[in-house]
Amino acid sequence: MQVVIILKVEDFVLKWLGRIACPFGKFFKNL
């Protein structure tokens, strides 16, 4: 059960990191 919870948390974190990193990636490309 613990493994499933860890995978769900990891997926959630990766989604948020992607959302936060996306604008930064576009910003740096425009520099």
PDB file of N, CA and C in Angstrom:
ATOM      1  N   MET A   1       0.835  -1.219   0.000  1.00  0.00           N
ATOM      2  CA  MET A   1       0.000   0.000   0.000  1.00  0.00           C
ATOM      3  C   MET A   1       0.866   1.264   0.000  1.00  0.00           C
ATOM      4  N   GLN A   2       1.966   1.216   0.757  1.00  0.00           N
ATOM      5  CA  GLN A   2       2.830   2.404   0.848  1.00  0.00           C
ATOM      6  C   GLN A   2       3.408   2.775  -0.521  1.00  0.00           C
ATOM      7  N   VAL A   3       3.733   1.768  -1.317  1.00  0.00           N
ATOM      8  CA  VAL A   3       4.323   2.032  -2.639  1.00  0.00           C
ATOM      9  C   VAL A   3       3.335   2.800  -3.504  1.00  0.00           C
ATOM     10  N   VAL A   4       2.059   2.416  -3.449  1.00  0.00           N
ATOM     11  CA  VAL A   4       1.031   3.085  -4.250  1.00  0.00           C
ATOM     12  C   VAL A   4       0.921   4.550  -3.847  1.00  0.00           C
ATOM     13  N   ILE A   5       0.941   4.812  -2.545  1.00  0.00           N
ATOM     14  CA  ILE A   5       0.836   6.188  -2.045  1.00  0.00           C
ATOM     15  C   ILE A   5       2.030   7.010  -2.527  1.00  0.00           C
ATOM     16  N   ILE A   6       3.228   6.412  -2.454  1.00  0.00           N
ATOM     17  CA  ILE A   6       4.436   7.126  -2.881  1.00  0.00           C
ATOM     18  C   ILE A   6       4.343   7.456  -4.372  1.00  0.00           C
ATOM     19  N   LEU A   7       3.866   6.507  -5.180  1.00  0.00           N
ATOM     20  CA  LEU A   7       3.752   6.743  -6.621  1.00  0.00           C
ATOM     21  C   LEU A   7       2.756   7.860  -6.901  1.00  0.00           C
ATOM     22  N   LYS A   8       1.646   7.881  -6.158  1.00  0.00           N
ATOM     23  CA  LYS A   8       0.644   8.935  -6.355  1.00  0.00           C
ATOM     24  C   LYS A   8       1.221  10.297  -5.988  1.00  0.00           C
ATOM     25  N   VAL A   9       1.953  10.356  -4.889  1.00  0.00           N
ATOM     26  CA  VAL A   9       2.569  11.614  -4.460  1.00  0.00           C
ATOM     27  C   VAL A   9       3.590  12.069  -5.499  1.00  0.00           C
ATOM     28  N   GLU A  10       4.383  11.128  -5.995  1.00  0.00           N
ATOM     29  CA  GLU A  10       5.399  11.455  -6.997  1.00  0.00           C
ATOM     30  C   GLU A  10       4.741  12.022  -8.248  1.00  0.00           C
ATOM     31  N   ASP A  11       3.652  11.388  -8.687  1.00  0.00           N
ATOM     32  CA  ASP A  11       2.939  11.846  -9.878  1.00  0.00           C
ATOM     33  C   ASP A  11       2.409  13.255  -9.660  1.00  0.00           C
ATOM     34  N   PHE A  12       1.845  13.500  -8.470  1.00  0.00           N
ATOM     35  CA  PHE A  12       1.299  14.819  -8.124  1.00  0.00           C
ATOM     36  C   PHE A  12       2.388  15.884  -8.139  1.00  0.00           C
ATOM     37  N   VAL A  13       3.531  15.555  -7.533  1.00  0.00           N
ATOM     38  CA  VAL A  13       4.654  16.504  -7.468  1.00  0.00           C
ATOM     39  C   VAL A  13       5.179  16.802  -8.869  1.00  0.00           C
ATOM     40  N   LEU A  14       5.311  15.755  -9.689  1.00  0.00           N
ATOM     41  CA  LEU A  14       5.826  15.950 -11.053  1.00  0.00           C
ATOM     42  C   LEU A  14       4.888  16.840 -11.854  1.00  0.00           C
ATOM     43  N   LYS A  15       3.570  16.672 -11.666  1.00  0.00           N
ATOM     44  CA  LYS A  15       2.612  17.515 -12.383  1.00  0.00           C
ATOM     45  C   LYS A  15       2.797  18.977 -11.990  1.00  0.00           C
ATOM     46  N   TRP A  16       2.949  19.217 -10.691  1.00  0.00           N
ATOM     47  CA  TRP A  16       3.104  20.604 -10.230  1.00  0.00           C
ATOM     48  C   TRP A  16       4.441  21.188 -10.669  1.00  0.00           C
ATOM     49  N   LEU A  17       5.502  20.373 -10.634  1.00  0.00           N
ATOM     50  CA  LEU A  17       6.806  20.852 -11.100  1.00  0.00           C
ATOM     51  C   LEU A  17       6.721  21.205 -12.577  1.00  0.00           C
ATOM     52  N   GLY A  18       5.992  20.397 -13.345  1.00  0.00           N
ATOM     53  CA  GLY A  18       5.810  20.683 -14.764  1.00  0.00           C
ATOM     54  C   GLY A  18       5.076  21.992 -14.974  1.00  0.00           C
ATOM     55  N   ARG A  19       4.030  22.222 -14.186  1.00  0.00           N
ATOM     56  CA  ARG A  19       3.246  23.467 -14.305  1.00  0.00           C
ATOM     57  C   ARG A  19       4.093  24.677 -13.949  1.00  0.00           C
ATOM     58  N   ILE A  20       4.907  24.532 -12.911  1.00  0.00           N
ATOM     59  CA  ILE A  20       5.732  25.662 -12.466  1.00  0.00           C
ATOM     60  C   ILE A  20       6.889  25.883 -13.443  1.00  0.00           C
ATOM     61  N   ALA A  21       7.478  24.779 -13.944  1.00  0.00           N
ATOM     62  CA  ALA A  21       8.653  24.886 -14.811  1.00  0.00           C
ATOM     63  C   ALA A  21       8.277  25.367 -16.212  1.00  0.00           C
ATOM     64  N   CYS A  22       7.074  25.061 -16.677  1.00  0.00           N
ATOM     65  CA  CYS A  22       6.676  25.420 -18.047  1.00  0.00           C
ATOM     66  C   CYS A  22       6.832  26.920 -18.324  1.00  0.00           C
ATOM     67  N   PRO A  23       6.247  27.803 -17.517  1.00  0.00           N
ATOM     68  CA  PRO A  23       6.402  29.248 -17.765  1.00  0.00           C
ATOM     69  C   PRO A  23       7.861  29.681 -17.698  1.00  0.00           C
ATOM     70  N   PHE A  24       8.631  29.087 -16.793  1.00  0.00           N
ATOM     71  CA  PHE A  24      10.045  29.446 -16.683  1.00  0.00           C
ATOM     72  C   PHE A  24      10.780  29.036 -17.948  1.00  0.00           C
ATOM     73  N   GLY A  25      10.456  27.858 -18.493  1.00  0.00           N
ATOM     74  CA  GLY A  25      11.090  27.397 -19.724  1.00  0.00           C
ATOM     75  C   GLY A  25      10.799  28.347 -20.875  1.00  0.00           C
ATOM     76  N   LYS A  26       9.540  28.766 -20.991  1.00  0.00           N
ATOM     77  CA  LYS A  26       9.175  29.711 -22.049  1.00  0.00           C
ATOM     78  C   LYS A  26       9.885  31.043 -21.846  1.00  0.00           C
ATOM     79  N   PHE A  27       9.973  31.468 -20.597  1.00  0.00           N
ATOM     80  CA  PHE A  27      10.608  32.748 -20.272  1.00  0.00           C
ATOM     81  C   PHE A  27      12.078  32.736 -20.690  1.00  0.00           C
ATOM     82  N   PHE A  28      12.780  31.630 -20.351  1.00  0.00           N
ATOM     83  CA  PHE A  28      14.210  31.556 -20.672  1.00  0.00           C
ATOM     84  C   PHE A  28      14.435  31.429 -22.177  1.00  0.00           C
ATOM     85  N   LYS A  29      13.481  30.781 -22.880  1.00  0.00           N
ATOM     86  CA  LYS A  29      13.622  30.666 -24.334  1.00  0.00           C
ATOM     87  C   LYS A  29      13.480  32.043 -24.987  1.00  0.00           C
ATOM     88  N   ASN A  30      12.657  32.895 -24.394  1.00  0.00           N
ATOM     89  CA  ASN A  30      12.409  34.225 -24.963  1.00  0.00           C
ATOM     90  C   ASN A  30      13.551  35.201 -24.681  1.00  0.00           C
ATOM     91  N   LEU A  31      14.431  34.859 -23.740  1.00  0.00           N
ATOM     92  CA  LEU A  31      15.530  35.773 -23.411  1.00  0.00           C
ATOM     93  C   LEU A  31      16.513  35.894 -24.571  1.00  0.00           C
TER      94      LEU A  31
END
